[in-house]
Amino acid sequence: MARPDLRRNDEMRKVKIIKDYTMYAEGSVLICVGNTKVICNASVEENVPPHVKGTGKGWVTAEYNMLPRATNTRNRRDISKLKLNGRSAEIQRLIGRSLRAVTDMEALGERQITVDCDVIQADGGTRCASITGGFVALWLACKKLVDEGVIAKMPLTGQVAAVSVGIWEDEPILDLAYAEDSHAIVDANFVMTEKAEFVEIQGTGEGRPFTKEELNKLMSLARRGTGKLCREQRKITGDLG
């Protein structure tokens, strides 16, 4: 059965990353993956959470929010961390873990970078777009620190990107839009480095259990997708190696 937007099963949606999207953040991008659009702002603060204070190491964290009309019906606005819904809390922890996986905290020094990911339009894959765009925003903020002589070297040790895969109409597919994600038999997110190393895998048999063979097919699709996303990132960051 043909996909709703007529893409091949192994085809990504169109990806665009626009840097310096806002004026004030040390690093800022708008990432568009198909109709999903996320603003990622990276802010540098000269302080750290209590658990790393005095260690000489820095910290990278993230916050995630979906704006009220990012979807086809209005969501309630998350007005404070105390009222942050469970989905948003889980996603922002995932973003933070993913970005920390490629950050040398000693090279960053005793300062914190917070990456705010605000979804302005959602059509599936918002957490994956946030990680992929969030990395570029983080790189821009770190480059500013290096250029200004605040830190001696780039603290990022590699790239990280994320993509959704799934089984829809009994076919493994790459980069699920909402129409596919909402009816997927299997839904998974892969967070990977540019070397195809795994940072995190989230997968659920929504409609039925899935086999090792199906998981291997999904893994291959995810490698293809994150490879493309890393190439898009390098249009801005260049080769980190």
C-alpha atoms as a PDB file:
ATOM      1  CA  MET A   1       0.000   0.000   0.000  1.00  0.00           C
ATOM      2  CA  ALA A   2       1.308   3.447  -0.926  1.00  0.00           C
ATOM      3  CA  ARG A   3       2.285   5.827   1.856  1.00  0.00           C
ATOM      4  CA  PRO A   4      -0.017   8.845   2.312  1.00  0.00           C
ATOM      5  CA  ASP A   5       2.568  11.244   0.845  1.00  0.00           C
ATOM      6  CA  LEU A   6       3.730   8.683  -1.784  1.00  0.00           C
ATOM      7  CA  ARG A   7       7.273   8.405  -0.409  1.00  0.00           C
ATOM      8  CA  ARG A   8       9.259   5.199  -0.809  1.00  0.00           C
ATOM      9  CA  ASN A   9       9.405   3.098   2.360  1.00  0.00           C
ATOM     10  CA  ASP A  10      13.095   4.039   2.803  1.00  0.00           C
ATOM     11  CA  GLU A  11      12.650   7.726   1.961  1.00  0.00           C
ATOM     12  CA  MET A  12      12.950  10.610   4.418  1.00  0.00           C
ATOM     13  CA  ARG A  13      10.801  13.690   4.295  1.00  0.00           C
ATOM     14  CA  LYS A  14      12.494  16.876   3.097  1.00  0.00           C
ATOM     15  CA  VAL A  15      14.849  18.195   5.782  1.00  0.00           C
ATOM     16  CA  LYS A  16      15.920  21.829   6.182  1.00  0.00           C
ATOM     17  CA  ILE A  17      17.931  23.393   9.003  1.00  0.00           C
ATOM     18  CA  ILE A  18      18.084  27.190   9.181  1.00  0.00           C
ATOM     19  CA  LYS A  19      20.747  28.577  11.539  1.00  0.00           C
ATOM     20  CA  ASP A  20      20.633  31.811  13.568  1.00  0.00           C
ATOM     21  CA  TYR A  21      16.834  31.712  13.510  1.00  0.00           C
ATOM     22  CA  THR A  22      16.458  33.921  16.603  1.00  0.00           C
ATOM     23  CA  MET A  23      18.527  36.948  17.659  1.00  0.00           C
ATOM     24  CA  TYR A  24      19.538  36.401  21.249  1.00  0.00           C
ATOM     25  CA  ALA A  25      20.375  32.751  21.887  1.00  0.00           C
ATOM     26  CA  GLU A  26      24.033  31.723  21.606  1.00  0.00           C
ATOM     27  CA  GLY A  27      22.910  29.013  19.201  1.00  0.00           C
ATOM     28  CA  SER A  28      19.613  28.893  17.328  1.00  0.00           C
ATOM     29  CA  VAL A  29      18.050  26.918  14.478  1.00  0.00           C
ATOM     30  CA  LEU A  30      14.708  26.182  12.906  1.00  0.00           C
ATOM     31  CA  ILE A  31      14.542  22.562  11.788  1.00  0.00           C
ATOM     32  CA  CYS A  32      11.883  21.448   9.330  1.00  0.00           C
ATOM     33  CA  VAL A  33      11.290  17.752   8.701  1.00  0.00           C
ATOM     34  CA  GLY A  34       8.407  17.634   6.277  1.00  0.00           C
ATOM     35  CA  ASN A  35       5.627  19.588   7.972  1.00  0.00           C
ATOM     36  CA  THR A  36       7.158  19.227  11.442  1.00  0.00           C
ATOM     37  CA  LYS A  37       8.876  22.448  12.524  1.00  0.00           C
ATOM     38  CA  VAL A  38      10.850  22.988  15.729  1.00  0.00           C
ATOM     39  CA  ILE A  39      12.758  26.034  16.983  1.00  0.00           C
ATOM     40  CA  CYS A  40      15.858  25.007  18.953  1.00  0.00           C
ATOM     41  CA  ASN A  41      17.633  27.661  21.054  1.00  0.00           C
ATOM     42  CA  ALA A  42      20.830  26.935  23.005  1.00  0.00           C
ATOM     43  CA  SER A  43      21.548  29.278  25.930  1.00  0.00           C
ATOM     44  CA  VAL A  44      24.818  29.444  27.869  1.00  0.00           C
ATOM     45  CA  GLU A  45      24.745  30.105  31.609  1.00  0.00           C
ATOM     46  CA  GLU A  46      27.782  30.549  33.847  1.00  0.00           C
ATOM     47  CA  ASN A  47      26.470  28.205  36.509  1.00  0.00           C
ATOM     48  CA  VAL A  48      25.759  24.493  36.846  1.00  0.00           C
ATOM     49  CA  PRO A  49      23.342  22.241  38.746  1.00  0.00           C
ATOM     50  CA  PRO A  50      24.335  21.273  42.302  1.00  0.00           C
ATOM     51  CA  HIS A  51      25.382  17.735  41.330  1.00  0.00           C
ATOM     52  CA  VAL A  52      28.289  19.032  39.186  1.00  0.00           C
ATOM     53  CA  LYS A  53      29.133  22.220  41.086  1.00  0.00           C
ATOM     54  CA  GLY A  54      32.803  22.376  42.041  1.00  0.00           C
ATOM     55  CA  THR A  55      33.834  19.541  39.707  1.00  0.00           C
ATOM     56  CA  GLY A  56      35.122  21.760  36.911  1.00  0.00           C
ATOM     57  CA  LYS A  57      32.699  20.045  34.553  1.00  0.00           C
ATOM     58  CA  GLY A  58      29.760  21.495  32.692  1.00  0.00           C
ATOM     59  CA  TRP A  59      26.264  20.286  31.970  1.00  0.00           C
ATOM     60  CA  VAL A  60      23.924  20.130  28.982  1.00  0.00           C
ATOM     61  CA  THR A  61      20.181  19.910  29.484  1.00  0.00           C
ATOM     62  CA  ALA A  62      17.045  20.444  27.426  1.00  0.00           C
ATOM     63  CA  GLU A  63      13.477  21.637  27.689  1.00  0.00           C
ATOM     64  CA  TYR A  64      10.713  20.656  25.256  1.00  0.00           C
ATOM     65  CA  ASN A  65       7.347  22.222  24.630  1.00  0.00           C
ATOM     66  CA  MET A  66       4.646  21.882  22.022  1.00  0.00           C
ATOM     67  CA  LEU A  67       2.906  25.192  21.392  1.00  0.00           C
ATOM     68  CA  PRO A  68      -0.907  25.227  21.677  1.00  0.00           C
ATOM     69  CA  ARG A  69      -1.698  25.174  17.948  1.00  0.00           C
ATOM     70  CA  ALA A  70       1.240  23.045  16.823  1.00  0.00           C
ATOM     71  CA  THR A  71      -1.371  20.325  16.187  1.00  0.00           C
ATOM     72  CA  ASN A  72      -4.791  20.236  14.523  1.00  0.00           C
ATOM     73  CA  THR A  73      -6.469  20.851  17.873  1.00  0.00           C
ATOM     74  CA  ARG A  74      -5.308  23.225  20.607  1.00  0.00           C
ATOM     75  CA  ASN A  75      -3.113  21.747  23.350  1.00  0.00           C
ATOM     76  CA  ARG A  76      -3.035  23.228  26.835  1.00  0.00           C
ATOM     77  CA  ARG A  77       0.082  25.317  27.369  1.00  0.00           C
ATOM     78  CA  ASP A  78       2.668  23.979  29.840  1.00  0.00           C
ATOM     79  CA  ILE A  79       2.866  27.024  32.104  1.00  0.00           C
ATOM     80  CA  SER A  80       5.461  25.700  34.540  1.00  0.00           C
ATOM     81  CA  LYS A  81       7.758  22.756  35.154  1.00  0.00           C
ATOM     82  CA  LEU A  82       5.481  21.701  37.986  1.00  0.00           C
ATOM     83  CA  LYS A  83       2.641  21.268  35.502  1.00  0.00           C
ATOM     84  CA  LEU A  84       4.729  19.834  32.644  1.00  0.00           C
ATOM     85  CA  ASN A  85       2.846  16.903  31.162  1.00  0.00           C
ATOM     86  CA  GLY A  86       4.391  13.445  31.285  1.00  0.00           C
ATOM     87  CA  ARG A  87       5.063  13.235  27.556  1.00  0.00           C
ATOM     88  CA  SER A  88       6.942  16.554  27.465  1.00  0.00           C
ATOM     89  CA  ALA A  89       8.978  15.618  30.544  1.00  0.00           C
ATOM     90  CA  GLU A  90       9.978  12.275  29.014  1.00  0.00           C
ATOM     91  CA  ILE A  91      10.939  13.870  25.693  1.00  0.00           C
ATOM     92  CA  GLN A  92      13.070  16.621  27.205  1.00  0.00           C
ATOM     93  CA  ARG A  93      14.973  14.072  29.276  1.00  0.00           C
ATOM     94  CA  LEU A  94      15.614  12.103  26.069  1.00  0.00           C
ATOM     95  CA  ILE A  95      16.901  15.223  24.296  1.00  0.00           C
ATOM     96  CA  GLY A  96      19.224  16.047  27.196  1.00  0.00           C
ATOM     97  CA  ARG A  97      20.626  12.494  27.367  1.00  0.00           C
ATOM     98  CA  SER A  98      21.200  12.463  23.614  1.00  0.00           C
ATOM     99  CA  LEU A  99      23.119  15.756  23.582  1.00  0.00           C
ATOM    100  CA  ARG A 100      25.199  14.864  26.647  1.00  0.00           C
ATOM    101  CA  ALA A 101      26.269  11.640  24.935  1.00  0.00           C
ATOM    102  CA  VAL A 102      28.425  13.648  22.495  1.00  0.00           C
ATOM    103  CA  THR A 103      29.608  16.401  24.866  1.00  0.00           C
ATOM    104  CA  ASP A 104      32.923  16.469  26.740  1.00  0.00           C
ATOM    105  CA  MET A 105      31.837  18.080  30.004  1.00  0.00           C
ATOM    106  CA  GLU A 106      35.401  18.824  31.120  1.00  0.00           C
ATOM    107  CA  ALA A 107      36.099  20.729  27.891  1.00  0.00           C
ATOM    108  CA  LEU A 108      32.869  22.684  28.370  1.00  0.00           C
ATOM    109  CA  GLY A 109      34.019  23.881  31.768  1.00  0.00           C
ATOM    110  CA  GLU A 110      31.809  24.735  34.721  1.00  0.00           C
ATOM    111  CA  ARG A 111      28.867  26.182  32.788  1.00  0.00           C
ATOM    112  CA  GLN A 112      25.510  24.926  31.587  1.00  0.00           C
ATOM    113  CA  ILE A 113      23.965  24.973  28.128  1.00  0.00           C
ATOM    114  CA  THR A 114      20.192  24.618  27.996  1.00  0.00           C
ATOM    115  CA  VAL A 115      18.634  23.673  24.661  1.00  0.00           C
ATOM    116  CA  ASP A 116      14.992  24.774  24.411  1.00  0.00           C
ATOM    117  CA  CYS A 117      13.008  22.888  21.779  1.00  0.00           C
ATOM    118  CA  ASP A 118       9.682  24.503  20.931  1.00  0.00           C
ATOM    119  CA  VAL A 119       7.460  22.698  18.447  1.00  0.00           C
ATOM    120  CA  ILE A 120       5.597  25.250  16.351  1.00  0.00           C
ATOM    121  CA  GLN A 121       4.077  22.676  13.984  1.00  0.00           C
ATOM    122  CA  ALA A 122       3.778  18.929  14.564  1.00  0.00           C
ATOM    123  CA  ASP A 123       3.353  16.224  11.938  1.00  0.00           C
ATOM    124  CA  GLY A 124       5.144  13.318  13.591  1.00  0.00           C
ATOM    125  CA  GLY A 125       8.744  12.915  14.759  1.00  0.00           C
ATOM    126  CA  THR A 126       8.938  16.012  16.967  1.00  0.00           C
ATOM    127  CA  ARG A 127      11.348  14.438  19.472  1.00  0.00           C
ATOM    128  CA  CYS A 128      13.623  13.282  16.667  1.00  0.00           C
ATOM    129  CA  ALA A 129      13.612  16.702  15.023  1.00  0.00           C
ATOM    130  CA  SER A 130      14.349  18.282  18.416  1.00  0.00           C
ATOM    131  CA  ILE A 131      17.418  16.104  18.933  1.00  0.00           C
ATOM    132  CA  THR A 132      18.688  16.647  15.391  1.00  0.00           C
ATOM    133  CA  GLY A 133      18.144  20.413  15.440  1.00  0.00           C
ATOM    134  CA  GLY A 134      19.144  20.681  19.082  1.00  0.00           C
ATOM    135  CA  PHE A 135      22.576  19.303  18.245  1.00  0.00           C
ATOM    136  CA  VAL A 136      23.166  22.042  15.675  1.00  0.00           C
ATOM    137  CA  ALA A 137      22.013  24.727  18.118  1.00  0.00           C
ATOM    138  CA  LEU A 138      24.371  23.265  20.727  1.00  0.00           C
ATOM    139  CA  TRP A 139      27.247  23.274  18.222  1.00  0.00           C
ATOM    140  CA  LEU A 140      26.608  26.929  17.370  1.00  0.00           C
ATOM    141  CA  ALA A 141      26.647  27.866  21.068  1.00  0.00           C
ATOM    142  CA  CYS A 142      29.882  25.923  21.650  1.00  0.00           C
ATOM    143  CA  LYS A 143      31.502  27.485  18.576  1.00  0.00           C
ATOM    144  CA  LYS A 144      30.681  30.925  19.973  1.00  0.00           C
ATOM    145  CA  LEU A 145      32.405  29.993  23.250  1.00  0.00           C
ATOM    146  CA  VAL A 146      35.490  28.820  21.343  1.00  0.00           C
ATOM    147  CA  ASP A 147      35.550  31.863  19.041  1.00  0.00           C
ATOM    148  CA  GLU A 148      35.335  34.208  22.029  1.00  0.00           C
ATOM    149  CA  GLY A 149      38.135  32.386  23.855  1.00  0.00           C
ATOM    150  CA  VAL A 150      35.890  31.294  26.719  1.00  0.00           C
ATOM    151  CA  ILE A 151      36.849  27.627  26.213  1.00  0.00           C
ATOM    152  CA  ALA A 152      39.938  26.214  24.547  1.00  0.00           C
ATOM    153  CA  LYS A 153      38.413  23.643  22.220  1.00  0.00           C
ATOM    154  CA  MET A 154      35.133  22.413  20.814  1.00  0.00           C
ATOM    155  CA  PRO A 155      33.590  20.177  23.502  1.00  0.00           C
ATOM    156  CA  LEU A 156      31.475  18.139  21.083  1.00  0.00           C
ATOM    157  CA  THR A 157      32.993  14.724  20.365  1.00  0.00           C
ATOM    158  CA  GLY A 158      30.678  13.765  17.510  1.00  0.00           C
ATOM    159  CA  GLN A 159      27.297  14.280  15.951  1.00  0.00           C
ATOM    160  CA  VAL A 160      23.971  12.951  17.159  1.00  0.00           C
ATOM    161  CA  ALA A 161      20.690  12.723  15.265  1.00  0.00           C
ATOM    162  CA  ALA A 162      17.421  10.851  15.640  1.00  0.00           C
ATOM    163  CA  VAL A 163      14.807   9.381  13.344  1.00  0.00           C
ATOM    164  CA  SER A 164      11.557   7.469  13.653  1.00  0.00           C
ATOM    165  CA  VAL A 165      10.934   4.131  11.991  1.00  0.00           C
ATOM    166  CA  GLY A 166       8.010   1.775  12.177  1.00  0.00           C
ATOM    167  CA  ILE A 167       5.864  -0.916  10.655  1.00  0.00           C
ATOM    168  CA  TRP A 168       2.847   0.509   8.866  1.00  0.00           C
ATOM    169  CA  GLU A 169       0.484  -1.668   6.848  1.00  0.00           C
ATOM    170  CA  ASP A 170       2.910  -4.546   7.617  1.00  0.00           C
ATOM    171  CA  GLU A 171       5.772  -2.705   5.865  1.00  0.00           C
ATOM    172  CA  PRO A 172       8.889  -1.276   7.565  1.00  0.00           C
ATOM    173  CA  ILE A 173       9.043   2.455   6.831  1.00  0.00           C
ATOM    174  CA  LEU A 174      11.376   5.368   7.584  1.00  0.00           C
ATOM    175  CA  ASP A 175      10.499   8.763   9.105  1.00  0.00           C
ATOM    176  CA  LEU A 176       6.836   8.451  10.047  1.00  0.00           C
ATOM    177  CA  ALA A 177       4.527  11.398   9.505  1.00  0.00           C
ATOM    178  CA  TYR A 178       1.567  11.694  11.879  1.00  0.00           C
ATOM    179  CA  ALA A 179      -0.862   9.842   9.606  1.00  0.00           C
ATOM    180  CA  GLU A 180       1.485   6.831   9.713  1.00  0.00           C
ATOM    181  CA  ASP A 181       2.631   7.198  13.321  1.00  0.00           C
ATOM    182  CA  SER A 182      -0.937   7.260  14.636  1.00  0.00           C
ATOM    183  CA  HIS A 183      -1.742   3.927  12.958  1.00  0.00           C
ATOM    184  CA  ALA A 184       1.638   2.186  13.139  1.00  0.00           C
ATOM    185  CA  ILE A 185       1.774  -1.472  14.146  1.00  0.00           C
ATOM    186  CA  VAL A 186       5.302  -0.889  15.481  1.00  0.00           C
ATOM    187  CA  ASP A 187       6.697   2.523  16.423  1.00  0.00           C
ATOM    188  CA  ALA A 188      10.385   3.160  17.208  1.00  0.00           C
ATOM    189  CA  ASN A 189      12.859   6.015  17.582  1.00  0.00           C
ATOM    190  CA  PHE A 190      16.605   5.585  17.056  1.00  0.00           C
ATOM    191  CA  VAL A 191      19.142   8.095  18.373  1.00  0.00           C
ATOM    192  CA  MET A 192      22.506   7.539  16.683  1.00  0.00           C
ATOM    193  CA  THR A 193      25.890   9.162  16.080  1.00  0.00           C
ATOM    194  CA  GLU A 194      27.422   9.906  12.697  1.00  0.00           C
ATOM    195  CA  LYS A 195      29.345   6.622  13.088  1.00  0.00           C
ATOM    196  CA  ALA A 196      26.037   4.721  13.374  1.00  0.00           C
ATOM    197  CA  GLU A 197      26.638   4.105  17.086  1.00  0.00           C
ATOM    198  CA  PHE A 198      23.506   3.815  19.202  1.00  0.00           C
ATOM    199  CA  VAL A 199      22.738   6.400  21.867  1.00  0.00           C
ATOM    200  CA  GLU A 200      19.185   5.299  22.622  1.00  0.00           C
ATOM    201  CA  ILE A 201      16.504   3.067  21.106  1.00  0.00           C
ATOM    202  CA  GLN A 202      12.814   3.369  21.929  1.00  0.00           C
ATOM    203  CA  GLY A 203      10.490   0.801  20.373  1.00  0.00           C
ATOM    204  CA  THR A 204       6.987  -0.459  20.997  1.00  0.00           C
ATOM    205  CA  GLY A 205       4.770  -3.079  19.418  1.00  0.00           C
ATOM    206  CA  GLU A 206       1.631  -0.956  19.278  1.00  0.00           C
ATOM    207  CA  GLY A 207      -0.468  -3.432  17.315  1.00  0.00           C
ATOM    208  CA  ARG A 208       1.444  -6.687  17.770  1.00  0.00           C
ATOM    209  CA  PRO A 209       4.827  -8.027  18.841  1.00  0.00           C
ATOM    210  CA  PHE A 210       7.620  -7.756  16.282  1.00  0.00           C
ATOM    211  CA  THR A 211      10.402 -10.129  15.319  1.00  0.00           C
ATOM    212  CA  LYS A 212      14.173  -9.838  15.373  1.00  0.00           C
ATOM    213  CA  GLU A 213      14.128  -9.815  11.572  1.00  0.00           C
ATOM    214  CA  GLU A 214      11.730  -6.875  11.580  1.00  0.00           C
ATOM    215  CA  LEU A 215      13.879  -5.087  14.154  1.00  0.00           C
ATOM    216  CA  ASN A 216      16.931  -5.562  11.915  1.00  0.00           C
ATOM    217  CA  LYS A 217      15.044  -4.001   8.995  1.00  0.00           C
ATOM    218  CA  LEU A 218      14.034  -1.060  11.170  1.00  0.00           C
ATOM    219  CA  MET A 219      17.630  -0.675  12.324  1.00  0.00           C
ATOM    220  CA  SER A 220      18.846  -0.521   8.721  1.00  0.00           C
ATOM    221  CA  LEU A 221      16.272   2.129   7.897  1.00  0.00           C
ATOM    222  CA  ALA A 222      17.306   4.136  10.977  1.00  0.00           C
ATOM    223  CA  ARG A 223      20.964   4.043   9.908  1.00  0.00           C
ATOM    224  CA  ARG A 224      19.961   5.354   6.503  1.00  0.00           C
ATOM    225  CA  GLY A 225      17.848   8.118   8.027  1.00  0.00           C
ATOM    226  CA  THR A 226      20.328   9.305  10.657  1.00  0.00           C
ATOM    227  CA  GLY A 227      23.060   9.256   8.019  1.00  0.00           C
ATOM    228  CA  LYS A 228      21.064  11.710   5.927  1.00  0.00           C
ATOM    229  CA  LEU A 229      20.323  13.881   8.959  1.00  0.00           C
ATOM    230  CA  CYS A 230      24.007  14.014   9.898  1.00  0.00           C
ATOM    231  CA  ARG A 231      24.824  15.154   6.360  1.00  0.00           C
ATOM    232  CA  GLU A 232      22.276  17.943   6.744  1.00  0.00           C
ATOM    233  CA  GLN A 233      23.850  18.934  10.072  1.00  0.00           C
ATOM    234  CA  ARG A 234      27.299  19.098   8.459  1.00  0.00           C
ATOM    235  CA  LYS A 235      26.055  21.716   5.996  1.00  0.00           C
ATOM    236  CA  ILE A 236      26.233  24.017   9.026  1.00  0.00           C
ATOM    237  CA  THR A 237      28.777  22.416  11.362  1.00  0.00           C
ATOM    238  CA  GLY A 238      31.252  21.051   8.867  1.00  0.00           C
ATOM    239  CA  ASP A 239      33.180  17.889   9.665  1.00  0.00           C
ATOM    240  CA  LEU A 240      33.760  17.634  13.419  1.00  0.00           C
ATOM    241  CA  GLY A 241      36.537  15.089  12.903  1.00  0.00           C
END
